């Protein structure tokens, strides 16, 4: 997910992985803590922080590896609302061009590689559960929306063993939470990222496809698609899924796309054409 790069904070830290520089903003940890506290125990915030750190890093590594395949030296930023992979301006001498030099199929492959990496990570988690004697049963609500139940022992439905927030979760509770959070982040966020809404990966894919078929109006049409899809998901989030964070996020993305259309037409919100 590509959002604006935050300013440095005293809590930032940096490291390299596969010779790709990574910066983790101190603001990155706000969302894991929020999700962890929704599960009614502070220690689950640590589980969510670990899961989201690994999942989002793997997602961005998917983008970065394909970028490198096309001659772009990448870097990764993990920020409050997720993360992004972009060109490493400190290492441009190794690049044959920037992200702006990519279009069509290469740009689509870069965008699709992030969610694909997350789905692969989810498949690894499922495989490990099965190898350990557990089972994960998938079903679909409304015929399209996936959900699942985790059984640490096949045929035995799991129930948390600690009764209240004051009690320490057991090892079994922690393993269950680790599996559930891993599937949630890698599957649901992968699906979310494929929605054709700017600035998500699906929005980038839709833009490339629509600009290829209509070079004149494709960009604006892809933004209008983002307005309607983002608005629709926001409504779905409020009235069907009861997922208010999801609704607010997609409403914001839809509004951003509408603002861009206004700027392209030279109307309001900054005026001028792109």
C-alpha atoms as a PDB file:
ATOM      1  CA  UNK A   1       0.000   0.000   0.000  1.00  0.00           C
ATOM      2  CA  UNK A   2       1.547   3.305  -1.040  1.00  0.00           C
ATOM      3  CA  UNK A   3       0.953   6.317   1.166  1.00  0.00           C
ATOM      4  CA  UNK A   4       3.061   9.409   1.778  1.00  0.00           C
ATOM      5  CA  UNK A   5       6.437   8.950   3.455  1.00  0.00           C
ATOM      6  CA  UNK A   6       6.390  10.168   7.078  1.00  0.00           C
ATOM      7  CA  UNK A   7       9.129  12.385   8.507  1.00  0.00           C
ATOM      8  CA  UNK A   8      11.836  10.677  10.588  1.00  0.00           C
ATOM      9  CA  UNK A   9      11.099   9.983  14.256  1.00  0.00           C
ATOM     10  CA  UNK A  10      13.451   9.119  17.155  1.00  0.00           C
ATOM     11  CA  UNK A  11      11.940   5.601  17.182  1.00  0.00           C
ATOM     12  CA  UNK A  12      12.841   4.799  13.552  1.00  0.00           C
ATOM     13  CA  UNK A  13      15.293   1.998  12.837  1.00  0.00           C
ATOM     14  CA  UNK A  14      16.947   0.798   9.658  1.00  0.00           C
ATOM     15  CA  UNK A  15      18.414  -2.464   8.375  1.00  0.00           C
ATOM     16  CA  UNK A  16      19.171  -4.251   5.105  1.00  0.00           C
ATOM     17  CA  UNK A  17      17.591  -7.462   3.818  1.00  0.00           C
ATOM     18  CA  UNK A  18      18.789  -9.089   0.587  1.00  0.00           C
ATOM     19  CA  UNK A  19      20.844  -5.900   0.098  1.00  0.00           C
ATOM     20  CA  UNK A  20      17.634  -3.842   0.130  1.00  0.00           C
ATOM     21  CA  UNK A  21      17.580  -0.968   2.668  1.00  0.00           C
ATOM     22  CA  UNK A  22      14.552  -0.924   4.970  1.00  0.00           C
ATOM     23  CA  UNK A  23      13.393   1.913   7.231  1.00  0.00           C
ATOM     24  CA  UNK A  24      10.756   1.206   9.887  1.00  0.00           C
ATOM     25  CA  UNK A  25       9.016   4.362  11.055  1.00  0.00           C
ATOM     26  CA  UNK A  26       8.270   4.660  14.743  1.00  0.00           C
ATOM     27  CA  UNK A  27       4.667   5.339  13.665  1.00  0.00           C
ATOM     28  CA  UNK A  28       4.441   1.837  12.142  1.00  0.00           C
ATOM     29  CA  UNK A  29       3.713   0.284  15.534  1.00  0.00           C
ATOM     30  CA  UNK A  30       0.520   2.279  16.170  1.00  0.00           C
ATOM     31  CA  UNK A  31      -1.666   0.024  14.015  1.00  0.00           C
ATOM     32  CA  UNK A  32      -0.394  -3.301  15.469  1.00  0.00           C
ATOM     33  CA  UNK A  33      -1.030  -1.993  18.979  1.00  0.00           C
ATOM     34  CA  UNK A  34      -4.548  -0.944  17.959  1.00  0.00           C
ATOM     35  CA  UNK A  35      -5.346  -4.380  16.517  1.00  0.00           C
ATOM     36  CA  UNK A  36      -3.762  -6.137  19.473  1.00  0.00           C
ATOM     37  CA  UNK A  37      -5.855  -4.244  21.994  1.00  0.00           C
ATOM     38  CA  UNK A  38      -9.009  -5.226  20.086  1.00  0.00           C
ATOM     39  CA  UNK A  39      -8.248  -8.788  21.200  1.00  0.00           C
ATOM     40  CA  UNK A  40      -8.566  -7.754  24.844  1.00  0.00           C
ATOM     41  CA  UNK A  41      -5.050  -8.379  26.049  1.00  0.00           C
ATOM     42  CA  UNK A  42      -1.949  -6.223  25.889  1.00  0.00           C
ATOM     43  CA  UNK A  43       0.311  -9.160  25.088  1.00  0.00           C
ATOM     44  CA  UNK A  44      -1.619  -9.694  21.849  1.00  0.00           C
ATOM     45  CA  UNK A  45      -0.327  -6.313  20.707  1.00  0.00           C
ATOM     46  CA  UNK A  46       3.126  -7.934  20.652  1.00  0.00           C
ATOM     47  CA  UNK A  47       1.771 -10.802  18.544  1.00  0.00           C
ATOM     48  CA  UNK A  48       0.130  -8.375  16.113  1.00  0.00           C
ATOM     49  CA  UNK A  49       3.309  -6.286  15.937  1.00  0.00           C
ATOM     50  CA  UNK A  50       5.359  -9.367  15.017  1.00  0.00           C
ATOM     51  CA  UNK A  51       2.811 -10.624  12.493  1.00  0.00           C
ATOM     52  CA  UNK A  52       2.272  -7.261  10.800  1.00  0.00           C
ATOM     53  CA  UNK A  53       5.991  -6.524  10.671  1.00  0.00           C
ATOM     54  CA  UNK A  54       6.767  -9.832   8.929  1.00  0.00           C
ATOM     55  CA  UNK A  55       3.682  -9.762   6.671  1.00  0.00           C
ATOM     56  CA  UNK A  56       4.125  -6.181   5.460  1.00  0.00           C
ATOM     57  CA  UNK A  57       7.875  -6.660   5.016  1.00  0.00           C
ATOM     58  CA  UNK A  58       7.238  -9.778   2.892  1.00  0.00           C
ATOM     59  CA  UNK A  59       4.600  -7.891   0.892  1.00  0.00           C
ATOM     60  CA  UNK A  60       7.013  -5.050   0.137  1.00  0.00           C
ATOM     61  CA  UNK A  61       9.828  -7.498  -0.610  1.00  0.00           C
ATOM     62  CA  UNK A  62       7.577  -8.959  -3.300  1.00  0.00           C
ATOM     63  CA  UNK A  63       7.401  -5.534  -4.940  1.00  0.00           C
ATOM     64  CA  UNK A  64      11.110  -4.861  -4.401  1.00  0.00           C
ATOM     65  CA  UNK A  65      12.313  -8.146  -5.908  1.00  0.00           C
ATOM     66  CA  UNK A  66      10.350  -7.596  -9.114  1.00  0.00           C
ATOM     67  CA  UNK A  67      11.547  -3.980  -9.245  1.00  0.00           C
ATOM     68  CA  UNK A  68      15.109  -5.276  -9.052  1.00  0.00           C
ATOM     69  CA  UNK A  69      14.307  -7.719 -11.872  1.00  0.00           C
ATOM     70  CA  UNK A  70      13.566  -4.692 -14.059  1.00  0.00           C
ATOM     71  CA  UNK A  71      16.797  -2.924 -13.137  1.00  0.00           C
ATOM     72  CA  UNK A  72      15.519  -0.667 -10.355  1.00  0.00           C
ATOM     73  CA  UNK A  73      17.460  -0.488  -7.088  1.00  0.00           C
ATOM     74  CA  UNK A  74      14.692  -0.636  -4.423  1.00  0.00           C
ATOM     75  CA  UNK A  75      14.251   0.507  -0.860  1.00  0.00           C
ATOM     76  CA  UNK A  76      11.409  -0.266   1.568  1.00  0.00           C
ATOM     77  CA  UNK A  77       9.583   1.999   4.015  1.00  0.00           C
ATOM     78  CA  UNK A  78       7.285   0.585   6.708  1.00  0.00           C
ATOM     79  CA  UNK A  79       4.918   3.326   7.864  1.00  0.00           C
ATOM     80  CA  UNK A  80       1.785   3.740   9.980  1.00  0.00           C
ATOM     81  CA  UNK A  81      -0.737   2.566   7.371  1.00  0.00           C
ATOM     82  CA  UNK A  82       1.403  -0.223   5.930  1.00  0.00           C
ATOM     83  CA  UNK A  83       4.426   0.339   3.757  1.00  0.00           C
ATOM     84  CA  UNK A  84       5.773   0.847   0.277  1.00  0.00           C
ATOM     85  CA  UNK A  85       8.685  -0.125  -1.944  1.00  0.00           C
ATOM     86  CA  UNK A  86      10.196   2.530  -4.143  1.00  0.00           C
ATOM     87  CA  UNK A  87      13.470   3.310  -5.883  1.00  0.00           C
ATOM     88  CA  UNK A  88      16.535   3.881  -3.761  1.00  0.00           C
ATOM     89  CA  UNK A  89      17.655   7.379  -4.719  1.00  0.00           C
ATOM     90  CA  UNK A  90      20.931   6.873  -2.826  1.00  0.00           C
ATOM     91  CA  UNK A  91      21.811   4.027  -5.198  1.00  0.00           C
ATOM     92  CA  UNK A  92      20.565   5.320  -8.550  1.00  0.00           C
ATOM     93  CA  UNK A  93      23.842   4.419 -10.251  1.00  0.00           C
ATOM     94  CA  UNK A  94      22.785   0.757 -10.033  1.00  0.00           C
ATOM     95  CA  UNK A  95      19.370   1.437 -11.595  1.00  0.00           C
ATOM     96  CA  UNK A  96      18.582   1.361 -15.293  1.00  0.00           C
ATOM     97  CA  UNK A  97      15.639   3.680 -14.565  1.00  0.00           C
ATOM     98  CA  UNK A  98      13.147   4.704 -11.918  1.00  0.00           C
ATOM     99  CA  UNK A  99       9.639   3.455 -11.217  1.00  0.00           C
ATOM    100  CA  UNK A 100       8.386   6.087 -13.628  1.00  0.00           C
ATOM    101  CA  UNK A 101      10.173   4.253 -16.425  1.00  0.00           C
ATOM    102  CA  UNK A 102       7.935   1.203 -15.950  1.00  0.00           C
ATOM    103  CA  UNK A 103       4.557   0.859 -17.623  1.00  0.00           C
ATOM    104  CA  UNK A 104       2.271  -1.845 -18.933  1.00  0.00           C
ATOM    105  CA  UNK A 105       3.053  -5.435 -17.968  1.00  0.00           C
ATOM    106  CA  UNK A 106       6.227  -4.686 -15.935  1.00  0.00           C
ATOM    107  CA  UNK A 107       4.331  -2.158 -13.793  1.00  0.00           C
ATOM    108  CA  UNK A 108       1.450  -4.628 -13.363  1.00  0.00           C
ATOM    109  CA  UNK A 109       3.856  -7.375 -12.267  1.00  0.00           C
ATOM    110  CA  UNK A 110       5.522  -5.066  -9.734  1.00  0.00           C
ATOM    111  CA  UNK A 111       2.105  -4.161  -8.291  1.00  0.00           C
ATOM    112  CA  UNK A 112       0.826  -7.745  -8.204  1.00  0.00           C
ATOM    113  CA  UNK A 113       3.997  -9.146  -6.612  1.00  0.00           C
ATOM    114  CA  UNK A 114       3.199  -7.692  -3.169  1.00  0.00           C
ATOM    115  CA  UNK A 115      -0.184  -9.385  -2.650  1.00  0.00           C
ATOM    116  CA  UNK A 116       1.181 -12.562  -4.277  1.00  0.00           C
ATOM    117  CA  UNK A 117       4.012 -12.684  -1.724  1.00  0.00           C
ATOM    118  CA  UNK A 118       1.476 -12.301   1.089  1.00  0.00           C
ATOM    119  CA  UNK A 119      -0.712 -15.112  -0.269  1.00  0.00           C
ATOM    120  CA  UNK A 120       2.368 -17.342  -0.460  1.00  0.00           C
ATOM    121  CA  UNK A 121       3.170 -16.549   3.176  1.00  0.00           C
ATOM    122  CA  UNK A 122      -0.428 -17.440   4.147  1.00  0.00           C
ATOM    123  CA  UNK A 123      -0.073 -20.743   2.263  1.00  0.00           C
ATOM    124  CA  UNK A 124       3.102 -21.498   4.232  1.00  0.00           C
ATOM    125  CA  UNK A 125       1.278 -20.827   7.514  1.00  0.00           C
ATOM    126  CA  UNK A 126      -1.586 -23.129   6.459  1.00  0.00           C
ATOM    127  CA  UNK A 127       0.891 -25.831   5.455  1.00  0.00           C
ATOM    128  CA  UNK A 128       2.651 -25.632   8.821  1.00  0.00           C
ATOM    129  CA  UNK A 129      -0.656 -25.909  10.682  1.00  0.00           C
ATOM    130  CA  UNK A 130      -1.594 -29.034   8.721  1.00  0.00           C
ATOM    131  CA  UNK A 131       1.863 -30.574   9.217  1.00  0.00           C
ATOM    132  CA  UNK A 132       1.498 -30.013  12.987  1.00  0.00           C
ATOM    133  CA  UNK A 133      -1.782 -31.959  13.007  1.00  0.00           C
ATOM    134  CA  UNK A 134      -4.148 -29.011  12.874  1.00  0.00           C
ATOM    135  CA  UNK A 135      -6.670 -27.947  10.276  1.00  0.00           C
ATOM    136  CA  UNK A 136      -8.041 -24.751   8.773  1.00  0.00           C
ATOM    137  CA  UNK A 137     -11.522 -24.848   7.291  1.00  0.00           C
ATOM    138  CA  UNK A 138     -12.407 -22.167   4.756  1.00  0.00           C
ATOM    139  CA  UNK A 139     -15.927 -20.972   3.936  1.00  0.00           C
ATOM    140  CA  UNK A 140     -17.366 -18.059   1.977  1.00  0.00           C
ATOM    141  CA  UNK A 141     -19.918 -15.563   3.255  1.00  0.00           C
ATOM    142  CA  UNK A 142     -22.263 -14.144   0.614  1.00  0.00           C
ATOM    143  CA  UNK A 143     -20.613 -16.507  -1.863  1.00  0.00           C
ATOM    144  CA  UNK A 144     -17.403 -14.476  -2.174  1.00  0.00           C
ATOM    145  CA  UNK A 145     -16.056 -13.253   1.191  1.00  0.00           C
ATOM    146  CA  UNK A 146     -13.640 -15.810   2.728  1.00  0.00           C
ATOM    147  CA  UNK A 147     -13.492 -16.663   6.396  1.00  0.00           C
ATOM    148  CA  UNK A 148     -12.042 -19.604   8.275  1.00  0.00           C
ATOM    149  CA  UNK A 149     -11.845 -21.492  11.533  1.00  0.00           C
ATOM    150  CA  UNK A 150      -8.531 -22.672  12.974  1.00  0.00           C
ATOM    151  CA  UNK A 151      -8.238 -26.062  14.674  1.00  0.00           C
ATOM    152  CA  UNK A 152      -4.916 -26.674  16.407  1.00  0.00           C
ATOM    153  CA  UNK A 153      -6.011 -30.309  16.615  1.00  0.00           C
ATOM    154  CA  UNK A 154      -8.026 -31.503  13.634  1.00  0.00           C
ATOM    155  CA  UNK A 155     -11.670 -31.960  14.544  1.00  0.00           C
ATOM    156  CA  UNK A 156     -11.421 -30.049  17.831  1.00  0.00           C
ATOM    157  CA  UNK A 157     -12.826 -26.521  17.810  1.00  0.00           C
ATOM    158  CA  UNK A 158     -10.515 -24.113  19.618  1.00  0.00           C
ATOM    159  CA  UNK A 159     -11.594 -22.010  22.583  1.00  0.00           C
ATOM    160  CA  UNK A 160      -9.395 -19.513  24.383  1.00  0.00           C
ATOM    161  CA  UNK A 161      -8.197 -20.773  27.741  1.00  0.00           C
ATOM    162  CA  UNK A 162      -7.839 -17.492  29.628  1.00  0.00           C
ATOM    163  CA  UNK A 163     -11.099 -16.033  30.978  1.00  0.00           C
ATOM    164  CA  UNK A 164     -10.214 -12.377  31.546  1.00  0.00           C
ATOM    165  CA  UNK A 165      -7.822  -9.642  30.532  1.00  0.00           C
ATOM    166  CA  UNK A 166      -6.052  -9.878  33.893  1.00  0.00           C
ATOM    167  CA  UNK A 167      -5.000 -13.470  33.126  1.00  0.00           C
ATOM    168  CA  UNK A 168      -1.955 -14.342  31.037  1.00  0.00           C
ATOM    169  CA  UNK A 169      -2.859 -16.153  27.791  1.00  0.00           C
ATOM    170  CA  UNK A 170      -1.557 -19.720  27.618  1.00  0.00           C
ATOM    171  CA  UNK A 171       0.945 -20.960  25.042  1.00  0.00           C
ATOM    172  CA  UNK A 172      -1.950 -22.497  23.134  1.00  0.00           C
ATOM    173  CA  UNK A 173      -3.774 -19.165  23.114  1.00  0.00           C
ATOM    174  CA  UNK A 174      -0.661 -17.461  21.761  1.00  0.00           C
ATOM    175  CA  UNK A 175      -0.156 -20.022  18.987  1.00  0.00           C
ATOM    176  CA  UNK A 176      -3.796 -19.706  17.974  1.00  0.00           C
ATOM    177  CA  UNK A 177      -3.552 -15.914  17.932  1.00  0.00           C
ATOM    178  CA  UNK A 178      -0.334 -16.026  15.901  1.00  0.00           C
ATOM    179  CA  UNK A 179      -1.967 -18.257  13.267  1.00  0.00           C
ATOM    180  CA  UNK A 180      -5.210 -16.280  13.146  1.00  0.00           C
ATOM    181  CA  UNK A 181      -3.468 -12.919  12.876  1.00  0.00           C
ATOM    182  CA  UNK A 182      -1.109 -14.230  10.169  1.00  0.00           C
ATOM    183  CA  UNK A 183      -4.013 -15.443   8.042  1.00  0.00           C
ATOM    184  CA  UNK A 184      -5.972 -12.243   8.635  1.00  0.00           C
ATOM    185  CA  UNK A 185      -3.158  -9.940   7.555  1.00  0.00           C
ATOM    186  CA  UNK A 186      -1.888 -11.945   4.596  1.00  0.00           C
ATOM    187  CA  UNK A 187      -5.266 -12.947   3.143  1.00  0.00           C
ATOM    188  CA  UNK A 188      -7.568 -10.038   3.933  1.00  0.00           C
ATOM    189  CA  UNK A 189      -4.971  -7.346   3.371  1.00  0.00           C
ATOM    190  CA  UNK A 190      -3.884  -9.063   0.159  1.00  0.00           C
ATOM    191  CA  UNK A 191      -7.457  -9.032  -1.117  1.00  0.00           C
ATOM    192  CA  UNK A 192      -7.888  -5.431   0.035  1.00  0.00           C
ATOM    193  CA  UNK A 193      -4.719  -4.383  -1.780  1.00  0.00           C
ATOM    194  CA  UNK A 194      -6.029  -5.856  -5.031  1.00  0.00           C
ATOM    195  CA  UNK A 195      -9.122  -3.643  -5.004  1.00  0.00           C
ATOM    196  CA  UNK A 196      -8.967  -1.241  -8.009  1.00  0.00           C
ATOM    197  CA  UNK A 197      -8.665   1.834  -5.813  1.00  0.00           C
ATOM    198  CA  UNK A 198      -5.746   4.274  -5.883  1.00  0.00           C
ATOM    199  CA  UNK A 199      -3.251   4.142  -4.093  1.00  0.00           C
ATOM    200  CA  UNK A 200      -3.595   0.381  -3.580  1.00  0.00           C
ATOM    201  CA  UNK A 201      -1.830  -2.184  -5.765  1.00  0.00           C
ATOM    202  CA  UNK A 202      -5.116  -3.000  -7.480  1.00  0.00           C
ATOM    203  CA  UNK A 203      -5.508   0.674  -8.340  1.00  0.00           C
ATOM    204  CA  UNK A 204      -2.108   0.654 -10.032  1.00  0.00           C
ATOM    205  CA  UNK A 205      -2.998  -2.509 -11.952  1.00  0.00           C
ATOM    206  CA  UNK A 206      -6.347  -1.046 -13.047  1.00  0.00           C
ATOM    207  CA  UNK A 207      -4.663   2.180 -14.131  1.00  0.00           C
ATOM    208  CA  UNK A 208      -2.150   0.366 -16.348  1.00  0.00           C
ATOM    209  CA  UNK A 209      -4.832  -1.800 -17.954  1.00  0.00           C
ATOM    210  CA  UNK A 210      -7.218   1.091 -18.591  1.00  0.00           C
ATOM    211  CA  UNK A 211      -4.483   3.409 -19.901  1.00  0.00           C
ATOM    212  CA  UNK A 212      -3.358   0.659 -22.262  1.00  0.00           C
ATOM    213  CA  UNK A 213      -6.875   0.281 -23.674  1.00  0.00           C
ATOM    214  CA  UNK A 214      -7.589   4.044 -23.680  1.00  0.00           C
ATOM    215  CA  UNK A 215      -4.459   6.256 -23.529  1.00  0.00           C
ATOM    216  CA  UNK A 216      -6.558   9.449 -23.556  1.00  0.00           C
ATOM    217  CA  UNK A 217      -9.138   8.785 -20.835  1.00  0.00           C
ATOM    218  CA  UNK A 218      -7.728   5.695 -19.132  1.00  0.00           C
ATOM    219  CA  UNK A 219      -6.174   7.515 -16.186  1.00  0.00           C
ATOM    220  CA  UNK A 220      -9.330   9.451 -15.348  1.00  0.00           C
ATOM    221  CA  UNK A 221     -11.497   6.363 -15.850  1.00  0.00           C
ATOM    222  CA  UNK A 222      -9.301   4.393 -13.433  1.00  0.00           C
ATOM    223  CA  UNK A 223      -9.749   7.157 -10.839  1.00  0.00           C
ATOM    224  CA  UNK A 224     -13.533   7.130 -11.323  1.00  0.00           C
ATOM    225  CA  UNK A 225     -13.422   3.352 -10.859  1.00  0.00           C
ATOM    226  CA  UNK A 226     -11.608   3.968  -7.572  1.00  0.00           C
ATOM    227  CA  UNK A 227     -14.250   6.494  -6.489  1.00  0.00           C
ATOM    228  CA  UNK A 228     -17.121   4.047  -7.026  1.00  0.00           C
ATOM    229  CA  UNK A 229     -15.372   0.899  -5.766  1.00  0.00           C
ATOM    230  CA  UNK A 230     -13.877   2.699  -2.756  1.00  0.00           C
ATOM    231  CA  UNK A 231     -17.237   4.265  -1.910  1.00  0.00           C
ATOM    232  CA  UNK A 232     -18.987   0.918  -2.317  1.00  0.00           C
ATOM    233  CA  UNK A 233     -16.540  -0.855  -0.012  1.00  0.00           C
ATOM    234  CA  UNK A 234     -16.932   1.939   2.537  1.00  0.00           C
ATOM    235  CA  UNK A 235     -20.714   1.429   2.545  1.00  0.00           C
ATOM    236  CA  UNK A 236     -20.253  -2.352   2.726  1.00  0.00           C
ATOM    237  CA  UNK A 237     -17.860  -1.913   5.630  1.00  0.00           C
ATOM    238  CA  UNK A 238     -20.366   0.149   7.628  1.00  0.00           C
ATOM    239  CA  UNK A 239     -23.624  -1.694   6.986  1.00  0.00           C
ATOM    240  CA  UNK A 240     -22.608  -5.305   6.252  1.00  0.00           C
ATOM    241  CA  UNK A 241     -19.148  -6.099   7.598  1.00  0.00           C
ATOM    242  CA  UNK A 242     -19.332  -3.684  10.572  1.00  0.00           C
ATOM    243  CA  UNK A 243     -15.668  -2.930   9.846  1.00  0.00           C
ATOM    244  CA  UNK A 244     -15.479   0.794  10.510  1.00  0.00           C
ATOM    245  CA  UNK A 245     -11.712   1.101  10.105  1.00  0.00           C
ATOM    246  CA  UNK A 246     -12.039  -0.460   6.639  1.00  0.00           C
ATOM    247  CA  UNK A 247     -14.922   1.876   5.807  1.00  0.00           C
ATOM    248  CA  UNK A 248     -13.035   5.010   6.847  1.00  0.00           C
ATOM    249  CA  UNK A 249      -9.937   3.979   4.907  1.00  0.00           C
ATOM    250  CA  UNK A 250     -11.759   3.258   1.641  1.00  0.00           C
ATOM    251  CA  UNK A 251     -13.912   6.374   1.977  1.00  0.00           C
ATOM    252  CA  UNK A 252     -10.684   8.367   2.290  1.00  0.00           C
ATOM    253  CA  UNK A 253      -9.169   6.650  -0.760  1.00  0.00           C
ATOM    254  CA  UNK A 254     -12.335   7.329  -2.787  1.00  0.00           C
ATOM    255  CA  UNK A 255     -12.241  10.984  -1.760  1.00  0.00           C
ATOM    256  CA  UNK A 256      -8.568  11.213  -2.749  1.00  0.00           C
ATOM    257  CA  UNK A 257      -9.373   9.810  -6.205  1.00  0.00           C
ATOM    258  CA  UNK A 258     -12.202  12.327  -6.604  1.00  0.00           C
ATOM    259  CA  UNK A 259      -9.816  15.144  -5.648  1.00  0.00           C
ATOM    260  CA  UNK A 260      -7.364  14.005  -8.319  1.00  0.00           C
ATOM    261  CA  UNK A 261     -10.126  14.045 -10.925  1.00  0.00           C
ATOM    262  CA  UNK A 262     -11.003  17.597  -9.898  1.00  0.00           C
ATOM    263  CA  UNK A 263      -7.383  18.667 -10.276  1.00  0.00           C
ATOM    264  CA  UNK A 264      -7.186  17.019 -13.701  1.00  0.00           C
ATOM    265  CA  UNK A 265     -10.246  19.041 -14.741  1.00  0.00           C
ATOM    266  CA  UNK A 266      -8.814  22.211 -13.200  1.00  0.00           C
ATOM    267  CA  UNK A 267     -11.566  22.424 -10.596  1.00  0.00           C
ATOM    268  CA  UNK A 268     -11.061  23.214  -6.916  1.00  0.00           C
ATOM    269  CA  UNK A 269      -8.855  21.472  -4.369  1.00  0.00           C
ATOM    270  CA  UNK A 270      -5.668  23.006  -5.658  1.00  0.00           C
ATOM    271  CA  UNK A 271      -6.808  23.725  -9.222  1.00  0.00           C
ATOM    272  CA  UNK A 272      -4.538  23.357 -12.195  1.00  0.00           C
ATOM    273  CA  UNK A 273      -4.151  20.355 -14.421  1.00  0.00           C
ATOM    274  CA  UNK A 274      -1.820  17.429 -13.893  1.00  0.00           C
END
